[in-house]
Amino acid sequence: MARAHDLVTEIEEATRKLTTLQSEFHAIQRTCQHDFGETRYVPEVSGGYRDPGDPPGTMGVDRRLPMDVPRTEVKKWERVCALCTLKQTTTNTRPENRPSTIRGTTATQEVPDFPQPARY
């Protein structure tokens, strides 16, 4: 039973150490000036499929017929700070005027809209 007591003590010490390290890490992230690198497009895709419906012979008002379920794609972007490894993801966009392919003109494009990191 002494081994069990030693393990409990060791777990408590490791938990305290983990809490301290997490606090230090979050403090670094809060005070970081953030140098976000490249924004990556990482959509969440769920493939389409065919639902065969209820088997033949099952009748009633709630019978499901065969149907195709379309593929869905949720647009998502992510970026990571090179200094503190803060990872941000967003599905929000905002319109932004950018130079067009025709010189002297601009075009409105949807760009990722990341939340501003909290400053303490």
N, C-alpha and C. Protein backbone atom coordinates (compact mmCIF):
# COMPACT_ATOMS: atom_id res chain seq x y z
N MET A 1 0.81 -1.19 0.00
CA MET A 1 0.00 0.00 0.00
C MET A 1 0.86 1.27 0.00
N ALA A 2 2.11 1.14 0.42
CA ALA A 2 2.99 2.31 0.43
C ALA A 2 3.21 2.81 -0.99
N ARG A 3 3.22 1.91 -1.95
CA ARG A 3 3.42 2.28 -3.34
C ARG A 3 2.26 3.15 -3.82
N ALA A 4 1.04 2.81 -3.44
CA ALA A 4 -0.13 3.60 -3.83
C ALA A 4 -0.04 5.00 -3.25
N HIS A 5 0.38 5.12 -2.00
CA HIS A 5 0.52 6.44 -1.35
C HIS A 5 1.59 7.27 -2.09
N ASP A 6 2.69 6.61 -2.45
CA ASP A 6 3.75 7.31 -3.19
C ASP A 6 3.24 7.81 -4.54
N LEU A 7 2.45 6.99 -5.20
CA LEU A 7 1.90 7.39 -6.50
C LEU A 7 0.95 8.57 -6.37
N VAL A 8 0.11 8.56 -5.35
CA VAL A 8 -0.81 9.68 -5.12
C VAL A 8 -0.02 10.96 -4.88
N THR A 9 1.02 10.88 -4.08
CA THR A 9 1.86 12.05 -3.80
C THR A 9 2.53 12.55 -5.09
N GLU A 10 3.03 11.62 -5.88
CA GLU A 10 3.69 11.98 -7.14
C GLU A 10 2.71 12.61 -8.12
N ILE A 11 1.49 12.10 -8.18
CA ILE A 11 0.46 12.66 -9.06
C ILE A 11 0.11 14.09 -8.62
N GLU A 12 -0.02 14.31 -7.32
CA GLU A 12 -0.33 15.65 -6.82
C GLU A 12 0.79 16.64 -7.17
N GLU A 13 2.04 16.22 -7.04
CA GLU A 13 3.17 17.09 -7.39
C GLU A 13 3.17 17.39 -8.88
N ALA A 14 2.91 16.37 -9.70
CA ALA A 14 2.89 16.56 -11.15
C ALA A 14 1.74 17.50 -11.54
N THR A 15 0.60 17.38 -10.88
CA THR A 15 -0.54 18.25 -11.15
C THR A 15 -0.21 19.69 -10.82
N ARG A 16 0.45 19.92 -9.67
CA ARG A 16 0.86 21.28 -9.29
C ARG A 16 1.86 21.84 -10.31
N LYS A 17 2.81 21.02 -10.73
CA LYS A 17 3.80 21.44 -11.72
C LYS A 17 3.12 21.79 -13.04
N LEU A 18 2.17 20.95 -13.47
CA LEU A 18 1.44 21.19 -14.71
C LEU A 18 0.67 22.51 -14.63
N THR A 19 0.00 22.77 -13.52
CA THR A 19 -0.75 24.01 -13.34
C THR A 19 0.18 25.22 -13.43
N THR A 20 1.35 25.13 -12.80
CA THR A 20 2.32 26.22 -12.85
C THR A 20 2.81 26.46 -14.27
N LEU A 21 3.15 25.39 -14.98
CA LEU A 21 3.62 25.52 -16.36
C LEU A 21 2.55 26.10 -17.27
N GLN A 22 1.29 25.67 -17.09
CA GLN A 22 0.21 26.19 -17.90
C GLN A 22 0.00 27.68 -17.65
N SER A 23 0.11 28.10 -16.40
CA SER A 23 -0.04 29.53 -16.06
C SER A 23 1.06 30.34 -16.73
N GLU A 24 2.30 29.85 -16.67
CA GLU A 24 3.42 30.56 -17.30
C GLU A 24 3.22 30.64 -18.81
N PHE A 25 2.78 29.54 -19.41
CA PHE A 25 2.57 29.50 -20.85
C PHE A 25 1.48 30.49 -21.28
N HIS A 26 0.36 30.53 -20.54
CA HIS A 26 -0.72 31.45 -20.88
C HIS A 26 -0.29 32.90 -20.68
N ALA A 27 0.55 33.16 -19.69
CA ALA A 27 1.06 34.51 -19.48
C ALA A 27 1.93 34.94 -20.67
N ILE A 28 2.74 34.03 -21.18
CA ILE A 28 3.58 34.32 -22.35
C ILE A 28 2.69 34.62 -23.56
N GLN A 29 1.64 33.82 -23.76
CA GLN A 29 0.75 34.03 -24.89
C GLN A 29 -0.02 35.35 -24.77
N ARG A 30 -0.41 35.72 -23.55
CA ARG A 30 -1.15 36.96 -23.36
C ARG A 30 -0.30 38.19 -23.66
N THR A 31 0.99 38.14 -23.34
CA THR A 31 1.85 39.31 -23.51
C THR A 31 2.63 39.29 -24.82
N CYS A 32 2.46 38.27 -25.62
CA CYS A 32 3.19 38.13 -26.88
C CYS A 32 2.74 39.20 -27.88
N GLN A 33 3.65 39.66 -28.72
CA GLN A 33 3.33 40.63 -29.77
C GLN A 33 2.76 39.95 -31.02
N HIS A 34 2.75 38.66 -31.06
CA HIS A 34 2.18 37.82 -32.11
C HIS A 34 2.68 38.15 -33.51
N ASP A 35 3.39 37.20 -34.04
CA ASP A 35 3.88 37.26 -35.42
C ASP A 35 3.25 36.07 -36.14
N PHE A 36 2.01 36.28 -36.62
CA PHE A 36 1.29 35.19 -37.27
C PHE A 36 1.87 34.96 -38.66
N GLY A 37 2.12 33.71 -38.93
CA GLY A 37 2.65 33.34 -40.23
C GLY A 37 1.55 33.24 -41.27
N GLU A 38 1.75 32.38 -42.20
CA GLU A 38 0.82 32.19 -43.31
C GLU A 38 -0.52 31.67 -42.81
N THR A 39 -1.59 32.21 -43.38
CA THR A 39 -2.94 31.73 -43.09
C THR A 39 -3.22 30.55 -44.01
N ARG A 40 -3.63 29.43 -43.41
CA ARG A 40 -3.90 28.22 -44.19
C ARG A 40 -5.39 27.96 -44.25
N TYR A 41 -5.85 27.54 -45.42
CA TYR A 41 -7.23 27.16 -45.62
C TYR A 41 -7.36 25.67 -45.31
N VAL A 42 -8.15 25.33 -44.28
CA VAL A 42 -8.31 23.94 -43.86
C VAL A 42 -9.81 23.63 -43.70
N PRO A 43 -10.51 23.40 -44.81
CA PRO A 43 -11.95 23.19 -44.72
C PRO A 43 -12.30 21.89 -44.01
N GLU A 44 -13.46 21.89 -43.38
CA GLU A 44 -14.00 20.67 -42.77
C GLU A 44 -14.97 20.08 -43.79
N VAL A 45 -14.60 18.96 -44.36
CA VAL A 45 -15.39 18.35 -45.43
C VAL A 45 -16.03 17.07 -44.93
N SER A 46 -17.31 16.94 -45.19
CA SER A 46 -17.95 15.65 -44.94
C SER A 46 -18.50 15.19 -46.29
N GLY A 47 -18.05 14.04 -46.71
CA GLY A 47 -18.39 13.53 -48.04
C GLY A 47 -19.85 13.19 -48.17
N GLY A 48 -20.35 13.31 -49.40
CA GLY A 48 -21.72 12.94 -49.66
C GLY A 48 -21.87 11.42 -49.67
N TYR A 49 -23.09 10.99 -49.53
CA TYR A 49 -23.36 9.55 -49.54
C TYR A 49 -24.80 9.30 -49.95
N ARG A 50 -25.12 8.06 -50.18
CA ARG A 50 -26.49 7.67 -50.53
C ARG A 50 -27.09 6.92 -49.36
N ASP A 51 -28.21 7.43 -48.87
CA ASP A 51 -28.95 6.77 -47.80
C ASP A 51 -29.93 5.81 -48.46
N PRO A 52 -29.80 4.51 -48.19
CA PRO A 52 -30.67 3.55 -48.88
C PRO A 52 -32.13 3.61 -48.42
N GLY A 53 -32.41 4.30 -47.34
CA GLY A 53 -33.79 4.38 -46.85
C GLY A 53 -34.18 3.10 -46.13
N ASP A 54 -35.47 3.00 -45.86
CA ASP A 54 -35.98 1.81 -45.18
C ASP A 54 -36.06 0.65 -46.16
N PRO A 55 -35.87 -0.57 -45.65
CA PRO A 55 -35.93 -1.73 -46.54
C PRO A 55 -37.34 -1.92 -47.10
N PRO A 56 -37.44 -2.55 -48.28
CA PRO A 56 -38.77 -2.80 -48.86
C PRO A 56 -39.63 -3.61 -47.90
N GLY A 57 -40.91 -3.32 -47.93
CA GLY A 57 -41.83 -4.05 -47.07
C GLY A 57 -42.16 -3.29 -45.80
N THR A 58 -41.40 -2.26 -45.50
CA THR A 58 -41.73 -1.45 -44.33
C THR A 58 -42.52 -0.25 -44.81
N MET A 59 -43.76 -0.27 -44.56
CA MET A 59 -44.64 0.80 -45.04
C MET A 59 -45.10 1.63 -43.85
N GLY A 60 -45.67 2.73 -44.16
CA GLY A 60 -46.19 3.61 -43.13
C GLY A 60 -45.91 5.05 -43.49
N VAL A 61 -46.47 5.95 -42.71
CA VAL A 61 -46.32 7.37 -43.02
C VAL A 61 -44.90 7.87 -42.74
N ASP A 62 -44.14 7.15 -41.93
CA ASP A 62 -42.78 7.61 -41.61
C ASP A 62 -41.71 6.85 -42.37
N ARG A 63 -42.07 6.19 -43.45
CA ARG A 63 -41.10 5.44 -44.25
C ARG A 63 -40.13 6.40 -44.92
N ARG A 64 -38.86 6.06 -44.86
CA ARG A 64 -37.82 6.88 -45.51
C ARG A 64 -37.48 6.27 -46.86
N LEU A 65 -37.54 7.07 -47.88
CA LEU A 65 -37.18 6.62 -49.22
C LEU A 65 -35.68 6.81 -49.42
N PRO A 66 -35.09 6.13 -50.39
CA PRO A 66 -33.67 6.34 -50.68
C PRO A 66 -33.43 7.79 -51.09
N MET A 67 -32.30 8.33 -50.68
CA MET A 67 -31.97 9.71 -51.05
C MET A 67 -30.47 9.92 -51.04
N ASP A 68 -30.04 10.92 -51.81
CA ASP A 68 -28.64 11.31 -51.84
C ASP A 68 -28.43 12.44 -50.84
N VAL A 69 -27.41 12.31 -50.01
CA VAL A 69 -27.03 13.36 -49.06
C VAL A 69 -25.81 14.05 -49.65
N PRO A 70 -25.91 15.36 -49.92
CA PRO A 70 -24.80 16.05 -50.60
C PRO A 70 -23.57 16.23 -49.71
N ARG A 71 -22.45 16.40 -50.37
CA ARG A 71 -21.18 16.70 -49.70
C ARG A 71 -21.29 18.11 -49.11
N THR A 72 -20.76 18.30 -47.91
CA THR A 72 -20.75 19.63 -47.30
C THR A 72 -19.32 20.05 -47.00
N GLU A 73 -19.10 21.33 -47.08
CA GLU A 73 -17.77 21.88 -46.80
C GLU A 73 -17.94 23.15 -45.97
N VAL A 74 -17.34 23.14 -44.78
CA VAL A 74 -17.33 24.32 -43.92
C VAL A 74 -15.99 25.01 -44.13
N LYS A 75 -16.04 26.25 -44.61
CA LYS A 75 -14.80 26.99 -44.85
C LYS A 75 -14.17 27.34 -43.51
N LYS A 76 -12.86 27.07 -43.39
CA LYS A 76 -12.16 27.32 -42.13
C LYS A 76 -10.72 27.68 -42.44
N TRP A 77 -10.18 28.63 -41.68
CA TRP A 77 -8.79 29.06 -41.84
C TRP A 77 -8.10 28.97 -40.49
N GLU A 78 -6.79 28.78 -40.53
CA GLU A 78 -6.01 28.76 -39.29
C GLU A 78 -4.68 29.46 -39.50
N ARG A 79 -4.16 29.98 -38.40
CA ARG A 79 -2.84 30.61 -38.41
C ARG A 79 -2.20 30.37 -37.06
N VAL A 80 -0.84 30.36 -37.04
CA VAL A 80 -0.10 30.06 -35.81
C VAL A 80 0.95 31.15 -35.61
N CYS A 81 1.06 31.62 -34.37
CA CYS A 81 2.07 32.63 -34.03
C CYS A 81 3.43 31.93 -33.97
N ALA A 82 4.41 32.53 -34.66
CA ALA A 82 5.75 31.95 -34.69
C ALA A 82 6.47 32.14 -33.35
N LEU A 83 6.02 33.07 -32.52
CA LEU A 83 6.69 33.36 -31.27
C LEU A 83 6.17 32.53 -30.10
N CYS A 84 4.84 32.44 -29.96
CA CYS A 84 4.28 31.78 -28.77
C CYS A 84 3.42 30.57 -29.10
N THR A 85 3.33 30.20 -30.36
CA THR A 85 2.58 29.04 -30.85
C THR A 85 1.07 29.14 -30.63
N LEU A 86 0.55 30.36 -30.44
CA LEU A 86 -0.90 30.53 -30.33
C LEU A 86 -1.52 30.17 -31.66
N LYS A 87 -2.49 29.26 -31.63
CA LYS A 87 -3.16 28.82 -32.85
C LYS A 87 -4.56 29.41 -32.87
N GLN A 88 -4.89 30.11 -33.95
CA GLN A 88 -6.22 30.68 -34.11
C GLN A 88 -6.89 30.03 -35.31
N THR A 89 -8.18 29.76 -35.16
CA THR A 89 -8.97 29.25 -36.27
C THR A 89 -10.23 30.11 -36.38
N THR A 90 -10.74 30.22 -37.59
CA THR A 90 -11.97 30.98 -37.80
C THR A 90 -12.74 30.43 -38.98
N THR A 91 -14.04 30.62 -38.92
CA THR A 91 -14.91 30.32 -40.05
C THR A 91 -15.55 31.63 -40.54
N ASN A 92 -15.22 32.74 -39.90
CA ASN A 92 -15.79 34.04 -40.25
C ASN A 92 -14.98 34.71 -41.36
N THR A 93 -15.67 35.48 -42.18
CA THR A 93 -14.99 36.25 -43.22
C THR A 93 -15.50 37.68 -43.18
N ARG A 94 -14.76 38.57 -43.83
CA ARG A 94 -15.17 39.96 -43.96
C ARG A 94 -14.78 40.43 -45.36
N PRO A 95 -15.53 41.37 -45.91
CA PRO A 95 -15.17 41.87 -47.25
C PRO A 95 -13.98 42.81 -47.15
N GLU A 96 -13.10 42.74 -48.14
CA GLU A 96 -11.92 43.61 -48.17
C GLU A 96 -11.63 43.98 -49.63
N ASN A 97 -11.32 45.25 -49.83
CA ASN A 97 -10.94 45.69 -51.18
C ASN A 97 -9.48 45.34 -51.42
N ARG A 98 -9.23 44.67 -52.55
CA ARG A 98 -7.88 44.28 -52.91
C ARG A 98 -7.64 44.67 -54.37
N PRO A 99 -6.37 44.86 -54.74
CA PRO A 99 -6.09 45.20 -56.13
C PRO A 99 -6.62 44.12 -57.07
N SER A 100 -7.22 44.57 -58.16
CA SER A 100 -7.78 43.66 -59.15
C SER A 100 -6.72 43.32 -60.19
N THR A 101 -7.05 42.39 -61.06
CA THR A 101 -6.13 42.03 -62.14
C THR A 101 -6.03 43.14 -63.17
N ILE A 102 -7.03 44.02 -63.20
CA ILE A 102 -7.00 45.17 -64.10
C ILE A 102 -6.34 46.32 -63.35
N ARG A 103 -5.25 46.82 -63.90
CA ARG A 103 -4.46 47.83 -63.21
C ARG A 103 -5.32 49.06 -62.89
N GLY A 104 -5.16 49.56 -61.66
CA GLY A 104 -5.87 50.76 -61.22
C GLY A 104 -7.25 50.50 -60.67
N THR A 105 -7.65 49.23 -60.57
CA THR A 105 -8.98 48.92 -60.04
C THR A 105 -8.85 48.01 -58.83
N THR A 106 -9.92 47.95 -58.07
CA THR A 106 -9.95 47.05 -56.91
C THR A 106 -11.16 46.14 -57.01
N ALA A 107 -11.11 45.06 -56.29
CA ALA A 107 -12.22 44.12 -56.23
C ALA A 107 -12.44 43.74 -54.78
N THR A 108 -13.69 43.55 -54.42
CA THR A 108 -14.02 43.14 -53.06
C THR A 108 -13.91 41.61 -52.98
N GLN A 109 -13.12 41.15 -52.01
CA GLN A 109 -12.96 39.71 -51.78
C GLN A 109 -13.27 39.41 -50.33
N GLU A 110 -13.74 38.19 -50.09
CA GLU A 110 -13.96 37.73 -48.73
C GLU A 110 -12.63 37.21 -48.19
N VAL A 111 -12.21 37.73 -47.04
CA VAL A 111 -10.96 37.29 -46.42
C VAL A 111 -11.25 36.78 -45.01
N PRO A 112 -10.42 35.88 -44.47
CA PRO A 112 -10.66 35.37 -43.11
C PRO A 112 -10.66 36.51 -42.09
N ASP A 113 -11.56 36.42 -41.14
CA ASP A 113 -11.68 37.44 -40.09
C ASP A 113 -11.35 36.78 -38.75
N PHE A 114 -10.09 36.89 -38.34
CA PHE A 114 -9.65 36.30 -37.08
C PHE A 114 -9.95 37.25 -35.93
N PRO A 115 -10.27 36.72 -34.76
CA PRO A 115 -10.46 37.59 -33.59
C PRO A 115 -9.11 38.15 -33.15
N GLN A 116 -9.13 39.34 -32.60
CA GLN A 116 -7.91 39.93 -32.07
C GLN A 116 -7.54 39.24 -30.77
N PRO A 117 -6.28 38.83 -30.59
CA PRO A 117 -5.89 38.19 -29.34
C PRO A 117 -6.08 39.15 -28.17
N ALA A 118 -6.49 38.63 -27.05
CA ALA A 118 -6.74 39.44 -25.85
C ALA A 118 -5.42 39.99 -25.32
N ARG A 119 -5.43 41.24 -24.91
CA ARG A 119 -4.27 41.88 -24.30
C ARG A 119 -4.59 42.17 -22.84
N TYR A 120 -3.70 41.79 -21.96
CA TYR A 120 -3.94 42.01 -20.53
C TYR A 120 -2.94 42.98 -19.96
